[in-house]
Amino acid sequence: MTEFYEAVENARKAGVCREVIEILASMTGWEEFARHPDAPEWSYWYARRVVRKPVPDLEPVIARDEWSAWQYAKHVLCARWPEGEPTISRSPEWAYLYARDVVRGRWPEGEEAIAQDSQWACFYARDVIRDRWPEAEPVIAQDQDPEWAYLYARDVVRGRWPEGEPTISRSPEWAYLYARDVVRGRWPEGEEAIAQDSQWASFYAADLLRCRWPEAEPTIAQDPRWARLYAAEVIGGRWPEAEPTILSDDDYARRYEHEVLGKTES
């Protein structure tokens, strides 16, 4: 293997940042280097950016870190790397990316970790399995972030997903998007949440109900931006109840006068 200080000099010539070079230059050799917490990342960069080929002597160091191991397999070896897989398989994110970009198919060794994280489980089902993944569905359906249940329904189930609807229905944004993109129409189960948010309530009325939505109007009327849009796109005329709010904002007052009242800006 290259003598340590020669390797440091090669790294400096390759453009490694000065702060890292100063740390490396202060070390006594490869043994001290290997003990540093950033050694896996530095070793990967040394292989990829400095020598531009695999460095077997540094592989035990690289294999200690999920990110570095995935990058080394993908960008240096350009192939599966059995020695790094036990580490990669512990991380939902890097296990998903390893399956997608290196294995290019299902990777059972990483599925236990992936299935415990709703985001990466959703992506794994969509991009790798390309079908429903029953083992991960309870985690996706019950996650506090309803984005992943919505995406799973839209991109994987490609239709309504009753198991995820209780979670989705609690979020104004994702309930509106679920109604628009999945249900493709009015979705009563999500309306209670949607009606509590002026932006999504105005979009829901304009895009899906295509008529006034009295239950949400008190909420919409409190925000000049969305009250102006609701008057213009849903009511199609004056909305006296919301005018005090709209007129409190000079910009939206001018738009309201121009778009709704039919007046030109002065």
Foldseek 3Di string as FASTA:
>chain_A
DDWQVVLLVLVVVLPDDPVVSVVSVPDDGDVVLLPDPCNLVVQLCSCCRRVNEDDVVCVVSVLQAQVSLLCCCCRHVVEDDVSNVVRVLQALVSLLVCCVRHVVADDVSNVVNVLQDLVSVLVCQQRHVVEDDVSNVVNNLPDLDLPSVLSSQCRHVVEDDVSNVVNQLQALVSVLVCCCRHVVADDVSNVVNVLQALVSVLCCQQPHVLEDDVSSVVNVLQALVSVLSSCQRHVVEDDVVSVVRVVVDVVSNQVSCVRHVVDHDD
